[in-house]
Amino acid sequence: MLEDHTGGEGLIILFVHGFPELWYSWRHHMLSLSSLGYHTVIPDLRGYDGTDAPPSVATYTVFHIVSDLMALLDALHLDRVLLAGHDWGAVIAWYFLLASTR
């Protein structure tokens, strides 16, 4: 599941949820920030909700999830985003920033 909400031409914010949450955890933030003109992108992480759930536990490392997020941004043609993470999503956000040149 991907919740992509455009409120205007403002900056794009990528939200990364924690465990055991879904994109829905960010719904109030999405509505509030969208009303201020921000564009919010909130994916469900690998294995959550209706997303692909690879059978091997080894494919759920932070590196795999960061790769998923980078691929998502590439697919959406987004070069620059603000990043917000909560709980496990904060750890993923740190690794994303370390690995990214965006």
PDB file of N, CA and C in Angstrom:
ATOM      1  N   MET A   1       0.847  -1.183   0.000  1.00  0.00           N
ATOM      2  CA  MET A   1       0.000   0.000   0.000  1.00  0.00           C
ATOM      3  C   MET A   1       0.882   1.231   0.000  1.00  0.00           C
ATOM      4  N   LEU A   2       0.519   2.182  -0.811  1.00  0.00           N
ATOM      5  CA  LEU A   2       1.221   3.457  -0.856  1.00  0.00           C
ATOM      6  C   LEU A   2       0.194   4.558  -0.779  1.00  0.00           C
ATOM      7  N   GLU A   3       0.345   5.407   0.196  1.00  0.00           N
ATOM      8  CA  GLU A   3      -0.524   6.572   0.308  1.00  0.00           C
ATOM      9  C   GLU A   3       0.290   7.757  -0.193  1.00  0.00           C
ATOM     10  N   ASP A   4      -0.165   8.343  -1.282  1.00  0.00           N
ATOM     11  CA  ASP A   4       0.532   9.460  -1.908  1.00  0.00           C
ATOM     12  C   ASP A   4      -0.464  10.600  -1.974  1.00  0.00           C
ATOM     13  N   HIS A   5      -0.228  11.630  -1.203  1.00  0.00           N
ATOM     14  CA  HIS A   5      -1.202  12.705  -1.086  1.00  0.00           C
ATOM     15  C   HIS A   5      -0.553  14.042  -1.426  1.00  0.00           C
ATOM     16  N   THR A   6      -1.074  14.683  -2.441  1.00  0.00           N
ATOM     17  CA  THR A   6      -0.543  15.966  -2.852  1.00  0.00           C
ATOM     18  C   THR A   6      -1.449  17.071  -2.353  1.00  0.00           C
ATOM     19  N   GLY A   7      -0.858  17.976  -1.612  1.00  0.00           N
ATOM     20  CA  GLY A   7      -1.607  19.125  -1.127  1.00  0.00           C
ATOM     21  C   GLY A   7      -1.200  20.386  -1.851  1.00  0.00           C
ATOM     22  N   GLY A   8      -0.166  20.296  -2.657  1.00  0.00           N
ATOM     23  CA  GLY A   8       0.295  21.470  -3.364  1.00  0.00           C
ATOM     24  C   GLY A   8       1.634  21.208  -4.018  1.00  0.00           C
ATOM     25  N   GLU A   9       2.312  22.276  -4.348  1.00  0.00           N
ATOM     26  CA  GLU A   9       3.591  22.190  -5.029  1.00  0.00           C
ATOM     27  C   GLU A   9       4.756  22.235  -4.046  1.00  0.00           C
ATOM     28  N   GLY A  10       4.492  22.071  -2.783  1.00  0.00           N
ATOM     29  CA  GLY A  10       5.513  22.197  -1.750  1.00  0.00           C
ATOM     30  C   GLY A  10       6.480  21.041  -1.718  1.00  0.00           C
ATOM     31  N   LEU A  11       7.310  21.053  -0.711  1.00  0.00           N
ATOM     32  CA  LEU A  11       8.295  20.002  -0.515  1.00  0.00           C
ATOM     33  C   LEU A  11       7.625  18.642  -0.333  1.00  0.00           C
ATOM     34  N   ILE A  12       8.362  17.612  -0.675  1.00  0.00           N
ATOM     35  CA  ILE A  12       7.861  16.246  -0.576  1.00  0.00           C
ATOM     36  C   ILE A  12       8.408  15.625   0.710  1.00  0.00           C
ATOM     37  N   ILE A  13       7.522  15.011   1.482  1.00  0.00           N
ATOM     38  CA  ILE A  13       7.923  14.352   2.719  1.00  0.00           C
ATOM     39  C   ILE A  13       7.665  12.851   2.580  1.00  0.00           C
ATOM     40  N   LEU A  14       8.710  12.069   2.801  1.00  0.00           N
ATOM     41  CA  LEU A  14       8.601  10.608   2.816  1.00  0.00           C
ATOM     42  C   LEU A  14       8.531  10.169   4.266  1.00  0.00           C
ATOM     43  N   PHE A  15       7.440   9.514   4.634  1.00  0.00           N
ATOM     44  CA  PHE A  15       7.244   9.011   5.992  1.00  0.00           C
ATOM     45  C   PHE A  15       7.550   7.515   6.035  1.00  0.00           C
ATOM     46  N   VAL A  16       8.244   7.090   7.093  1.00  0.00           N
ATOM     47  CA  VAL A  16       8.578   5.682   7.263  1.00  0.00           C
ATOM     48  C   VAL A  16       8.014   5.222   8.605  1.00  0.00           C
ATOM     49  N   HIS A  17       7.078   4.283   8.559  1.00  0.00           N
ATOM     50  CA  HIS A  17       6.399   3.846   9.786  1.00  0.00           C
ATOM     51  C   HIS A  17       7.250   2.894  10.612  1.00  0.00           C
ATOM     52  N   GLY A  18       6.824   2.706  11.843  1.00  0.00           N
ATOM     53  CA  GLY A  18       7.517   1.812  12.770  1.00  0.00           C
ATOM     54  C   GLY A  18       6.900   0.426  12.796  1.00  0.00           C
ATOM     55  N   PHE A  19       7.260  -0.325  13.804  1.00  0.00           N
ATOM     56  CA  PHE A  19       6.758  -1.689  13.976  1.00  0.00           C
ATOM     57  C   PHE A  19       5.777  -1.705  15.146  1.00  0.00           C
ATOM     58  N   PRO A  20       4.645  -2.311  14.998  1.00  0.00           N
ATOM     59  CA  PRO A  20       4.060  -3.006  13.855  1.00  0.00           C
ATOM     60  C   PRO A  20       3.016  -2.140  13.156  1.00  0.00           C
ATOM     61  N   GLU A  21       3.388  -0.978  12.747  1.00  0.00           N
ATOM     62  CA  GLU A  21       2.451  -0.004  12.190  1.00  0.00           C
ATOM     63  C   GLU A  21       2.314  -0.131  10.675  1.00  0.00           C
ATOM     64  N   LEU A  22       1.460   0.727  10.116  1.00  0.00           N
ATOM     65  CA  LEU A  22       1.232   0.822   8.675  1.00  0.00           C
ATOM     66  C   LEU A  22       1.271   2.298   8.288  1.00  0.00           C
ATOM     67  N   TRP A  23       1.085   2.582   7.008  1.00  0.00           N
ATOM     68  CA  TRP A  23       1.035   3.970   6.549  1.00  0.00           C
ATOM     69  C   TRP A  23      -0.007   4.753   7.332  1.00  0.00           C
ATOM     70  N   TYR A  24      -1.051   4.058   7.756  1.00  0.00           N
ATOM     71  CA  TYR A  24      -2.191   4.675   8.435  1.00  0.00           C
ATOM     72  C   TYR A  24      -1.772   5.410   9.713  1.00  0.00           C
ATOM     73  N   SER A  25      -0.658   5.015  10.295  1.00  0.00           N
ATOM     74  CA  SER A  25      -0.159   5.670  11.507  1.00  0.00           C
ATOM     75  C   SER A  25       0.166   7.142  11.269  1.00  0.00           C
ATOM     76  N   TRP A  26       0.439   7.487  10.034  1.00  0.00           N
ATOM     77  CA  TRP A  26       0.819   8.859   9.678  1.00  0.00           C
ATOM     78  C   TRP A  26      -0.354   9.671   9.135  1.00  0.00           C
ATOM     79  N   ARG A  27      -1.565   9.141   9.165  1.00  0.00           N
ATOM     80  CA  ARG A  27      -2.709   9.782   8.489  1.00  0.00           C
ATOM     81  C   ARG A  27      -2.953  11.213   8.961  1.00  0.00           C
ATOM     82  N   HIS A  28      -2.829  11.479  10.248  1.00  0.00           N
ATOM     83  CA  HIS A  28      -3.087  12.838  10.744  1.00  0.00           C
ATOM     84  C   HIS A  28      -2.000  13.799  10.271  1.00  0.00           C
ATOM     85  N   HIS A  29      -0.775  13.328  10.258  1.00  0.00           N
ATOM     86  CA  HIS A  29       0.332  14.144   9.763  1.00  0.00           C
ATOM     87  C   HIS A  29       0.136  14.446   8.279  1.00  0.00           C
ATOM     88  N   MET A  30      -0.276  13.414   7.531  1.00  0.00           N
ATOM     89  CA  MET A  30      -0.487  13.557   6.095  1.00  0.00           C
ATOM     90  C   MET A  30      -1.519  14.646   5.807  1.00  0.00           C
ATOM     91  N   LEU A  31      -2.638  14.583   6.479  1.00  0.00           N
ATOM     92  CA  LEU A  31      -3.705  15.555   6.229  1.00  0.00           C
ATOM     93  C   LEU A  31      -3.288  16.963   6.641  1.00  0.00           C
ATOM     94  N   SER A  32      -2.648  17.069   7.788  1.00  0.00           N
ATOM     95  CA  SER A  32      -2.231  18.371   8.285  1.00  0.00           C
ATOM     96  C   SER A  32      -1.176  19.000   7.369  1.00  0.00           C
ATOM     97  N   LEU A  33      -0.159  18.239   7.020  1.00  0.00           N
ATOM     98  CA  LEU A  33       0.915  18.783   6.183  1.00  0.00           C
ATOM     99  C   LEU A  33       0.455  19.028   4.756  1.00  0.00           C
ATOM    100  N   SER A  34      -0.425  18.188   4.242  1.00  0.00           N
ATOM    101  CA  SER A  34      -0.969  18.404   2.909  1.00  0.00           C
ATOM    102  C   SER A  34      -1.769  19.697   2.841  1.00  0.00           C
ATOM    103  N   SER A  35      -2.474  20.003   3.918  1.00  0.00           N
ATOM    104  CA  SER A  35      -3.254  21.251   3.941  1.00  0.00           C
ATOM    105  C   SER A  35      -2.342  22.479   3.939  1.00  0.00           C
ATOM    106  N   LEU A  36      -1.073  22.283   4.295  1.00  0.00           N
ATOM    107  CA  LEU A  36      -0.093  23.371   4.275  1.00  0.00           C
ATOM    108  C   LEU A  36       0.700  23.414   2.968  1.00  0.00           C
ATOM    109  N   GLY A  37       0.341  22.525   2.036  1.00  0.00           N
ATOM    110  CA  GLY A  37       0.972  22.539   0.726  1.00  0.00           C
ATOM    111  C   GLY A  37       2.062  21.521   0.503  1.00  0.00           C
ATOM    112  N   TYR A  38       2.329  20.674   1.493  1.00  0.00           N
ATOM    113  CA  TYR A  38       3.339  19.642   1.317  1.00  0.00           C
ATOM    114  C   TYR A  38       2.762  18.458   0.559  1.00  0.00           C
ATOM    115  N   HIS A  39       3.630  17.722  -0.103  1.00  0.00           N
ATOM    116  CA  HIS A  39       3.272  16.481  -0.791  1.00  0.00           C
ATOM    117  C   HIS A  39       3.790  15.358   0.096  1.00  0.00           C
ATOM    118  N   THR A  40       2.939  14.455   0.521  1.00  0.00           N
ATOM    119  CA  THR A  40       3.352  13.377   1.409  1.00  0.00           C
ATOM    120  C   THR A  40       3.320  12.034   0.688  1.00  0.00           C
ATOM    121  N   VAL A  41       4.343  11.235   0.938  1.00  0.00           N
ATOM    122  CA  VAL A  41       4.443   9.884   0.382  1.00  0.00           C
ATOM    123  C   VAL A  41       4.640   8.947   1.571  1.00  0.00           C
ATOM    124  N   ILE A  42       3.719   7.973   1.708  1.00  0.00           N
ATOM    125  CA  ILE A  42       3.756   7.098   2.878  1.00  0.00           C
ATOM    126  C   ILE A  42       3.535   5.646   2.435  1.00  0.00           C
ATOM    127  N   PRO A  43       4.633   4.903   2.239  1.00  0.00           N
ATOM    128  CA  PRO A  43       4.479   3.504   1.838  1.00  0.00           C
ATOM    129  C   PRO A  43       4.366   2.580   3.043  1.00  0.00           C
ATOM    130  N   ASP A  44       3.713   1.453   2.842  1.00  0.00           N
ATOM    131  CA  ASP A  44       3.829   0.356   3.805  1.00  0.00           C
ATOM    132  C   ASP A  44       5.144  -0.348   3.491  1.00  0.00           C
ATOM    133  N   LEU A  45       5.885  -0.698   4.511  1.00  0.00           N
ATOM    134  CA  LEU A  45       7.164  -1.354   4.301  1.00  0.00           C
ATOM    135  C   LEU A  45       6.982  -2.815   3.894  1.00  0.00           C
ATOM    136  N   ARG A  46       8.035  -3.374   3.389  1.00  0.00           N
ATOM    137  CA  ARG A  46       8.086  -4.770   2.939  1.00  0.00           C
ATOM    138  C   ARG A  46       7.464  -5.706   3.987  1.00  0.00           C
ATOM    139  N   GLY A  47       6.495  -6.515   3.557  1.00  0.00           N
ATOM    140  CA  GLY A  47       5.876  -7.498   4.437  1.00  0.00           C
ATOM    141  C   GLY A  47       4.690  -6.994   5.240  1.00  0.00           C
ATOM    142  N   TYR A  48       4.394  -5.712   5.173  1.00  0.00           N
ATOM    143  CA  TYR A  48       3.269  -5.149   5.919  1.00  0.00           C
ATOM    144  C   TYR A  48       2.055  -5.005   5.019  1.00  0.00           C
ATOM    145  N   ASP A  49       0.878  -5.149   5.621  1.00  0.00           N
ATOM    146  CA  ASP A  49      -0.390  -4.950   4.933  1.00  0.00           C
ATOM    147  C   ASP A  49      -0.419  -5.783   3.656  1.00  0.00           C
ATOM    148  N   GLY A  50      -0.651  -5.199   2.510  1.00  0.00           N
ATOM    149  CA  GLY A  50      -0.771  -5.957   1.271  1.00  0.00           C
ATOM    150  C   GLY A  50       0.494  -5.964   0.435  1.00  0.00           C
ATOM    151  N   THR A  51       1.641  -5.595   1.015  1.00  0.00           N
ATOM    152  CA  THR A  51       2.877  -5.537   0.238  1.00  0.00           C
ATOM    153  C   THR A  51       3.453  -6.929   0.019  1.00  0.00           C
ATOM    154  N   ASP A  52       4.435  -6.993  -0.870  1.00  0.00           N
ATOM    155  CA  ASP A  52       5.147  -8.253  -1.070  1.00  0.00           C
ATOM    156  C   ASP A  52       5.783  -8.682   0.246  1.00  0.00           C
ATOM    157  N   ALA A  53       5.712  -9.973   0.506  1.00  0.00           N
ATOM    158  CA  ALA A  53       6.281 -10.519   1.736  1.00  0.00           C
ATOM    159  C   ALA A  53       7.196 -11.692   1.381  1.00  0.00           C
ATOM    160  N   PRO A  54       8.456 -11.398   1.062  1.00  0.00           N
ATOM    161  CA  PRO A  54       9.378 -12.490   0.742  1.00  0.00           C
ATOM    162  C   PRO A  54       9.435 -13.495   1.895  1.00  0.00           C
ATOM    163  N   PRO A  55       9.536 -14.790   1.579  1.00  0.00           N
ATOM    164  CA  PRO A  55       9.496 -15.808   2.626  1.00  0.00           C
ATOM    165  C   PRO A  55      10.744 -15.861   3.504  1.00  0.00           C
ATOM    166  N   SER A  56      11.885 -15.417   2.993  1.00  0.00           N
ATOM    167  CA  SER A  56      13.125 -15.515   3.755  1.00  0.00           C
ATOM    168  C   SER A  56      13.310 -14.315   4.688  1.00  0.00           C
ATOM    169  N   VAL A  57      13.550 -14.606   5.959  1.00  0.00           N
ATOM    170  CA  VAL A  57      13.796 -13.557   6.950  1.00  0.00           C
ATOM    171  C   VAL A  57      15.018 -12.723   6.560  1.00  0.00           C
ATOM    172  N   ALA A  58      15.944 -13.322   5.863  1.00  0.00           N
ATOM    173  CA  ALA A  58      17.176 -12.635   5.464  1.00  0.00           C
ATOM    174  C   ALA A  58      16.925 -11.459   4.518  1.00  0.00           C
ATOM    175  N   THR A  59      15.733 -11.385   3.936  1.00  0.00           N
ATOM    176  CA  THR A  59      15.421 -10.295   2.993  1.00  0.00           C
ATOM    177  C   THR A  59      14.720  -9.118   3.668  1.00  0.00           C
ATOM    178  N   TYR A  60      14.731  -9.093   4.987  1.00  0.00           N
ATOM    179  CA  TYR A  60      14.080  -8.003   5.720  1.00  0.00           C
ATOM    180  C   TYR A  60      15.088  -7.127   6.471  1.00  0.00           C
ATOM    181  N   THR A  61      16.323  -7.110   6.016  1.00  0.00           N
ATOM    182  CA  THR A  61      17.311  -6.269   6.683  1.00  0.00           C
ATOM    183  C   THR A  61      17.037  -4.802   6.371  1.00  0.00           C
ATOM    184  N   VAL A  62      17.627  -3.937   7.163  1.00  0.00           N
ATOM    185  CA  VAL A  62      17.470  -2.502   6.933  1.00  0.00           C
ATOM    186  C   VAL A  62      17.970  -2.138   5.537  1.00  0.00           C
ATOM    187  N   PHE A  63      18.984  -2.840   5.046  1.00  0.00           N
ATOM    188  CA  PHE A  63      19.527  -2.547   3.722  1.00  0.00           C
ATOM    189  C   PHE A  63      18.528  -2.869   2.616  1.00  0.00           C
ATOM    190  N   HIS A  64      17.784  -3.949   2.782  1.00  0.00           N
ATOM    191  CA  HIS A  64      16.748  -4.293   1.800  1.00  0.00           C
ATOM    192  C   HIS A  64      15.627  -3.250   1.811  1.00  0.00           C
ATOM    193  N   ILE A  65      15.246  -2.824   2.989  1.00  0.00           N
ATOM    194  CA  ILE A  65      14.144  -1.863   3.097  1.00  0.00           C
ATOM    195  C   ILE A  65      14.567  -0.499   2.570  1.00  0.00           C
ATOM    196  N   VAL A  66      15.790  -0.086   2.853  1.00  0.00           N
ATOM    197  CA  VAL A  66      16.303   1.172   2.289  1.00  0.00           C
ATOM    198  C   VAL A  66      16.311   1.075   0.770  1.00  0.00           C
ATOM    199  N   SER A  67      16.727  -0.047   0.243  1.00  0.00           N
ATOM    200  CA  SER A  67      16.712  -0.253  -1.210  1.00  0.00           C
ATOM    201  C   SER A  67      15.293  -0.143  -1.768  1.00  0.00           C
ATOM    202  N   ASP A  68      14.318  -0.694  -1.051  1.00  0.00           N
ATOM    203  CA  ASP A  68      12.911  -0.575  -1.468  1.00  0.00           C
ATOM    204  C   ASP A  68      12.491   0.892  -1.547  1.00  0.00           C
ATOM    205  N   LEU A  69      12.871   1.679  -0.526  1.00  0.00           N
ATOM    206  CA  LEU A  69      12.491   3.090  -0.501  1.00  0.00           C
ATOM    207  C   LEU A  69      13.161   3.858  -1.622  1.00  0.00           C
ATOM    208  N   MET A  70      14.417   3.571  -1.889  1.00  0.00           N
ATOM    209  CA  MET A  70      15.109   4.243  -2.994  1.00  0.00           C
ATOM    210  C   MET A  70      14.468   3.893  -4.333  1.00  0.00           C
ATOM    211  N   ALA A  71      14.086   2.634  -4.495  1.00  0.00           N
ATOM    212  CA  ALA A  71      13.409   2.218  -5.726  1.00  0.00           C
ATOM    213  C   ALA A  71      12.053   2.917  -5.862  1.00  0.00           C
ATOM    214  N   LEU A  72      11.356   3.080  -4.755  1.00  0.00           N
ATOM    215  CA  LEU A  72      10.078   3.793  -4.776  1.00  0.00           C
ATOM    216  C   LEU A  72      10.275   5.230  -5.242  1.00  0.00           C
ATOM    217  N   LEU A  73      11.269   5.909  -4.691  1.00  0.00           N
ATOM    218  CA  LEU A  73      11.520   7.290  -5.096  1.00  0.00           C
ATOM    219  C   LEU A  73      11.916   7.371  -6.562  1.00  0.00           C
ATOM    220  N   ASP A  74      12.686   6.408  -7.030  1.00  0.00           N
ATOM    221  CA  ASP A  74      13.036   6.366  -8.455  1.00  0.00           C
ATOM    222  C   ASP A  74      11.786   6.181  -9.307  1.00  0.00           C
ATOM    223  N   ALA A  75      10.912   5.270  -8.896  1.00  0.00           N
ATOM    224  CA  ALA A  75       9.677   5.008  -9.649  1.00  0.00           C
ATOM    225  C   ALA A  75       8.769   6.237  -9.688  1.00  0.00           C
ATOM    226  N   LEU A  76       8.796   7.033  -8.622  1.00  0.00           N
ATOM    227  CA  LEU A  76       7.976   8.247  -8.556  1.00  0.00           C
ATOM    228  C   LEU A  76       8.704   9.461  -9.131  1.00  0.00           C
ATOM    229  N   HIS A  77       9.928   9.250  -9.617  1.00  0.00           N
ATOM    230  CA  HIS A  77      10.757  10.321 -10.189  1.00  0.00           C
ATOM    231  C   HIS A  77      10.993  11.446  -9.187  1.00  0.00           C
ATOM    232  N   LEU A  78      11.295  11.066  -7.958  1.00  0.00           N
ATOM    233  CA  LEU A  78      11.562  12.031  -6.899  1.00  0.00           C
ATOM    234  C   LEU A  78      13.054  12.034  -6.589  1.00  0.00           C
ATOM    235  N   ASP A  79      13.668  13.195  -6.744  1.00  0.00           N
ATOM    236  CA  ASP A  79      15.100  13.308  -6.496  1.00  0.00           C
ATOM    237  C   ASP A  79      15.424  13.790  -5.093  1.00  0.00           C
ATOM    238  N   ARG A  80      14.486  14.507  -4.501  1.00  0.00           N
ATOM    239  CA  ARG A  80      14.755  15.112  -3.191  1.00  0.00           C
ATOM    240  C   ARG A  80      13.502  15.032  -2.325  1.00  0.00           C
ATOM    241  N   VAL A  81      13.664  14.556  -1.094  1.00  0.00           N
ATOM    242  CA  VAL A  81      12.546  14.473  -0.161  1.00  0.00           C
ATOM    243  C   VAL A  81      13.019  14.861   1.235  1.00  0.00           C
ATOM    244  N   LEU A  82      12.076  15.297   2.050  1.00  0.00           N
ATOM    245  CA  LEU A  82      12.294  15.375   3.484  1.00  0.00           C
ATOM    246  C   LEU A  82      11.923  14.005   4.030  1.00  0.00           C
ATOM    247  N   LEU A  83      12.543  13.580   5.106  1.00  0.00           N
ATOM    248  CA  LEU A  83      12.342  12.223   5.602  1.00  0.00           C
ATOM    249  C   LEU A  83      11.920  12.257   7.062  1.00  0.00           C
ATOM    250  N   ALA A  84      10.867  11.504   7.381  1.00  0.00           N
ATOM    251  CA  ALA A  84      10.394  11.394   8.758  1.00  0.00           C
ATOM    252  C   ALA A  84      10.215   9.917   9.081  1.00  0.00           C
ATOM    253  N   GLY A  85      10.781   9.480  10.201  1.00  0.00           N
ATOM    254  CA  GLY A  85      10.660   8.087  10.603  1.00  0.00           C
ATOM    255  C   GLY A  85      10.279   7.976  12.060  1.00  0.00           C
ATOM    256  N   HIS A  86       9.552   6.926  12.383  1.00  0.00           N
ATOM    257  CA  HIS A  86       9.117   6.675  13.757  1.00  0.00           C
ATOM    258  C   HIS A  86       9.462   5.239  14.138  1.00  0.00           C
ATOM    259  N   ASP A  87      10.000   5.054  15.352  1.00  0.00           N
ATOM    260  CA  ASP A  87      10.286   3.728  15.868  1.00  0.00           C
ATOM    261  C   ASP A  87      11.272   3.038  14.924  1.00  0.00           C
ATOM    262  N   TRP A  88      10.975   1.861  14.432  1.00  0.00           N
ATOM    263  CA  TRP A  88      11.823   1.146  13.475  1.00  0.00           C
ATOM    264  C   TRP A  88      12.019   1.985  12.222  1.00  0.00           C
ATOM    265  N   GLY A  89      11.045   2.788  11.867  1.00  0.00           N
ATOM    266  CA  GLY A  89      11.171   3.670  10.708  1.00  0.00           C
ATOM    267  C   GLY A  89      12.258   4.717  10.879  1.00  0.00           C
ATOM    268  N   ALA A  90      12.539   5.108  12.114  1.00  0.00           N
ATOM    269  CA  ALA A  90      13.620   6.066  12.368  1.00  0.00           C
ATOM    270  C   ALA A  90      14.979   5.432  12.075  1.00  0.00           C
ATOM    271  N   VAL A  91      15.135   4.161  12.432  1.00  0.00           N
ATOM    272  CA  VAL A  91      16.375   3.443  12.126  1.00  0.00           C
ATOM    273  C   VAL A  91      16.551   3.351  10.613  1.00  0.00           C
ATOM    274  N   ILE A  92      15.484   3.015   9.924  1.00  0.00           N
ATOM    275  CA  ILE A  92      15.531   2.928   8.466  1.00  0.00           C
ATOM    276  C   ILE A  92      15.880   4.295   7.877  1.00  0.00           C
ATOM    277  N   ALA A  93      15.306   5.356   8.425  1.00  0.00           N
ATOM    278  CA  ALA A  93      15.590   6.712   7.942  1.00  0.00           C
ATOM    279  C   ALA A  93      17.075   7.054   8.099  1.00  0.00           C
ATOM    280  N   TRP A  94      17.666   6.690   9.221  1.00  0.00           N
ATOM    281  CA  TRP A  94      19.102   6.935   9.422  1.00  0.00           C
ATOM    282  C   TRP A  94      19.921   6.220   8.355  1.00  0.00           C
ATOM    283  N   TYR A  95      19.653   4.959   8.123  1.00  0.00           N
ATOM    284  CA  TYR A  95      20.393   4.207   7.109  1.00  0.00           C
ATOM    285  C   TYR A  95      20.130   4.759   5.713  1.00  0.00           C
ATOM    286  N   PHE A  96      18.911   5.189   5.448  1.00  0.00           N
ATOM    287  CA  PHE A  96      18.583   5.788   4.154  1.00  0.00           C
ATOM    288  C   PHE A  96      19.473   7.015   3.920  1.00  0.00           C
ATOM    289  N   LEU A  97      19.584   7.856   4.940  1.00  0.00           N
ATOM    290  CA  LEU A  97      20.391   9.064   4.813  1.00  0.00           C
ATOM    291  C   LEU A  97      21.877   8.733   4.620  1.00  0.00           C
ATOM    292  N   LEU A  98      22.350   7.707   5.296  1.00  0.00           N
ATOM    293  CA  LEU A  98      23.746   7.308   5.136  1.00  0.00           C
ATOM    294  C   LEU A  98      24.039   6.771   3.733  1.00  0.00           C
ATOM    295  N   ALA A  99      23.059   6.115   3.134  1.00  0.00           N
ATOM    296  CA  ALA A  99      23.242   5.478   1.836  1.00  0.00           C
ATOM    297  C   ALA A  99      22.876   6.365   0.646  1.00  0.00           C
ATOM    298  N   SER A 100      22.207   7.454   0.906  1.00  0.00           N
ATOM    299  CA  SER A 100      21.635   8.257  -0.170  1.00  0.00           C
ATOM    300  C   SER A 100      22.444   9.504  -0.470  1.00  0.00           C
ATOM    301  N   THR A 101      22.360   9.914  -1.710  1.00  0.00           N
ATOM    302  CA  THR A 101      22.921  11.205  -2.122  1.00  0.00           C
ATOM    303  C   THR A 101      21.803  12.185  -2.454  1.00  0.00           C
ATOM    304  N   ARG A 102      20.581  11.827  -2.131  1.00  0.00           N
ATOM    305  CA  ARG A 102      19.427  12.660  -2.473  1.00  0.00           C
ATOM    306  C   ARG A 102      19.348  13.868  -1.575  1.00  0.00           C
TER     307      ARG A 102
END
